[in-house]
Amino acid sequence: MPTYEIQNQKTGEVKDVFCSYDNKEKELKKHGKDWVYLISAPGLCFEGSVAKISKVSSGFKDVLKGIKKGSDKSNTMPDM
């Protein structure tokens, strides 16, 4: 879901608004008539955005593998 920046035209205060594109206008109206959206690319946050490059030691990977092996089958921990 994107984050939008809005600014109060009278005070210069800037806030981040976290909402869907469909709710963007509703959120702006909630803040009042002095607030406007700052035009920029929306910030996005979603799972799976990090590459699978691991920077941990092989010893730590072994510990994680042991945890996964001994855990419940509903464990969603990715393989290292």
C-alpha atoms as a PDB file:
ATOM      1  CA  MET A   1       0.000   0.000   0.000  1.00  0.00           C
ATOM      2  CA  PRO A   2       1.446   3.409  -0.903  1.00  0.00           C
ATOM      3  CA  THR A   3       2.362   6.272   1.374  1.00  0.00           C
ATOM      4  CA  TYR A   4       1.432   9.784   0.243  1.00  0.00           C
ATOM      5  CA  GLU A   5       2.774  13.078   1.558  1.00  0.00           C
ATOM      6  CA  ILE A   6       0.283  15.813   2.313  1.00  0.00           C
ATOM      7  CA  GLN A   7       1.045  19.405   3.287  1.00  0.00           C
ATOM      8  CA  ASN A   8      -0.885  22.099   5.105  1.00  0.00           C
ATOM      9  CA  GLN A   9      -0.694  25.150   2.838  1.00  0.00           C
ATOM     10  CA  LYS A  10      -1.073  27.584   5.752  1.00  0.00           C
ATOM     11  CA  THR A  11       1.415  26.120   8.232  1.00  0.00           C
ATOM     12  CA  GLY A  12       3.756  24.201   5.915  1.00  0.00           C
ATOM     13  CA  GLU A  13       3.361  21.060   8.056  1.00  0.00           C
ATOM     14  CA  VAL A  14       3.929  17.811   6.118  1.00  0.00           C
ATOM     15  CA  LYS A  15       2.436  14.422   7.045  1.00  0.00           C
ATOM     16  CA  ASP A  16       2.650  10.931   5.593  1.00  0.00           C
ATOM     17  CA  VAL A  17      -0.661   9.250   4.780  1.00  0.00           C
ATOM     18  CA  PHE A  18      -0.729   5.459   4.388  1.00  0.00           C
ATOM     19  CA  CYS A  19      -3.765   4.453   2.317  1.00  0.00           C
ATOM     20  CA  SER A  20      -4.877   2.889  -0.934  1.00  0.00           C
ATOM     21  CA  TYR A  21      -5.156   4.977  -4.066  1.00  0.00           C
ATOM     22  CA  ASP A  22      -8.953   4.648  -3.902  1.00  0.00           C
ATOM     23  CA  ASN A  23      -9.024   6.164  -0.380  1.00  0.00           C
ATOM     24  CA  LYS A  24      -6.545   8.952  -1.137  1.00  0.00           C
ATOM     25  CA  GLU A  25      -9.148  11.695  -1.676  1.00  0.00           C
ATOM     26  CA  LYS A  26     -11.198  10.614   1.350  1.00  0.00           C
ATOM     27  CA  GLU A  27      -8.094  10.841   3.522  1.00  0.00           C
ATOM     28  CA  LEU A  28      -7.307  14.334   2.230  1.00  0.00           C
ATOM     29  CA  LYS A  29     -10.849  15.558   2.961  1.00  0.00           C
ATOM     30  CA  LYS A  30     -10.543  14.191   6.497  1.00  0.00           C
ATOM     31  CA  HIS A  31      -7.598  16.527   7.156  1.00  0.00           C
ATOM     32  CA  GLY A  32      -9.394  19.657   5.896  1.00  0.00           C
ATOM     33  CA  LYS A  33      -9.398  22.155   3.063  1.00  0.00           C
ATOM     34  CA  ASP A  34      -5.917  23.549   3.794  1.00  0.00           C
ATOM     35  CA  TRP A  35      -4.254  20.201   3.053  1.00  0.00           C
ATOM     36  CA  VAL A  36      -2.973  19.226  -0.413  1.00  0.00           C
ATOM     37  CA  TYR A  37      -1.064  16.245  -1.776  1.00  0.00           C
ATOM     38  CA  LEU A  38       2.572  16.768  -2.626  1.00  0.00           C
ATOM     39  CA  ILE A  39       3.209  15.359  -6.065  1.00  0.00           C
ATOM     40  CA  SER A  40       5.774  12.577  -5.955  1.00  0.00           C
ATOM     41  CA  ALA A  41       6.115   8.912  -6.670  1.00  0.00           C
ATOM     42  CA  PRO A  42       4.293   6.946  -3.947  1.00  0.00           C
ATOM     43  CA  GLY A  43       6.363   4.925  -1.511  1.00  0.00           C
ATOM     44  CA  LEU A  44       5.501   1.238  -1.746  1.00  0.00           C
ATOM     45  CA  CYS A  45       5.980  -1.449   0.843  1.00  0.00           C
ATOM     46  CA  PHE A  46       5.276  -5.078   0.056  1.00  0.00           C
ATOM     47  CA  GLU A  47       6.567  -8.507   0.958  1.00  0.00           C
ATOM     48  CA  GLY A  48       9.041 -10.102  -1.404  1.00  0.00           C
ATOM     49  CA  SER A  49      10.851  -6.882  -2.252  1.00  0.00           C
ATOM     50  CA  VAL A  50      14.153  -8.043  -0.743  1.00  0.00           C
ATOM     51  CA  ALA A  51      16.456 -10.168  -2.856  1.00  0.00           C
ATOM     52  CA  LYS A  52      17.376 -13.617  -1.567  1.00  0.00           C
ATOM     53  CA  ILE A  53      21.022 -12.650  -1.083  1.00  0.00           C
ATOM     54  CA  SER A  54      22.052 -13.655   2.378  1.00  0.00           C
ATOM     55  CA  LYS A  55      24.757 -11.833   4.323  1.00  0.00           C
ATOM     56  CA  VAL A  56      24.800 -14.116   7.353  1.00  0.00           C
ATOM     57  CA  SER A  57      27.458 -16.636   8.240  1.00  0.00           C
ATOM     58  CA  SER A  58      27.081 -20.290   7.354  1.00  0.00           C
ATOM     59  CA  GLY A  59      26.988 -21.113  11.088  1.00  0.00           C
ATOM     60  CA  PHE A  60      23.915 -18.948  11.567  1.00  0.00           C
ATOM     61  CA  LYS A  61      22.303 -20.552   8.515  1.00  0.00           C
ATOM     62  CA  ASP A  62      22.862 -23.947  10.152  1.00  0.00           C
ATOM     63  CA  VAL A  63      21.116 -22.720  13.317  1.00  0.00           C
ATOM     64  CA  LEU A  64      18.131 -21.515  11.261  1.00  0.00           C
ATOM     65  CA  LYS A  65      17.948 -24.834   9.400  1.00  0.00           C
ATOM     66  CA  GLY A  66      17.853 -26.661  12.745  1.00  0.00           C
ATOM     67  CA  ILE A  67      15.033 -24.441  13.971  1.00  0.00           C
ATOM     68  CA  LYS A  68      13.038 -25.029  10.805  1.00  0.00           C
ATOM     69  CA  LYS A  69      13.627 -28.790  10.920  1.00  0.00           C
ATOM     70  CA  GLY A  70      12.372 -29.022  14.513  1.00  0.00           C
ATOM     71  CA  SER A  71       9.359 -26.766  14.004  1.00  0.00           C
ATOM     72  CA  ASP A  72       5.763 -27.416  13.078  1.00  0.00           C
ATOM     73  CA  LYS A  73       4.897 -28.146   9.424  1.00  0.00           C
ATOM     74  CA  SER A  74       2.937 -24.879   9.269  1.00  0.00           C
ATOM     75  CA  ASN A  75       6.233 -22.971   9.569  1.00  0.00           C
ATOM     76  CA  THR A  76       6.602 -20.516   6.690  1.00  0.00           C
ATOM     77  CA  MET A  77      10.269 -19.753   7.269  1.00  0.00           C
ATOM     78  CA  PRO A  78      12.100 -19.735   3.891  1.00  0.00           C
ATOM     79  CA  ASP A  79      14.945 -22.139   3.180  1.00  0.00           C
ATOM     80  CA  MET A  80      18.410 -20.654   3.622  1.00  0.00           C
END
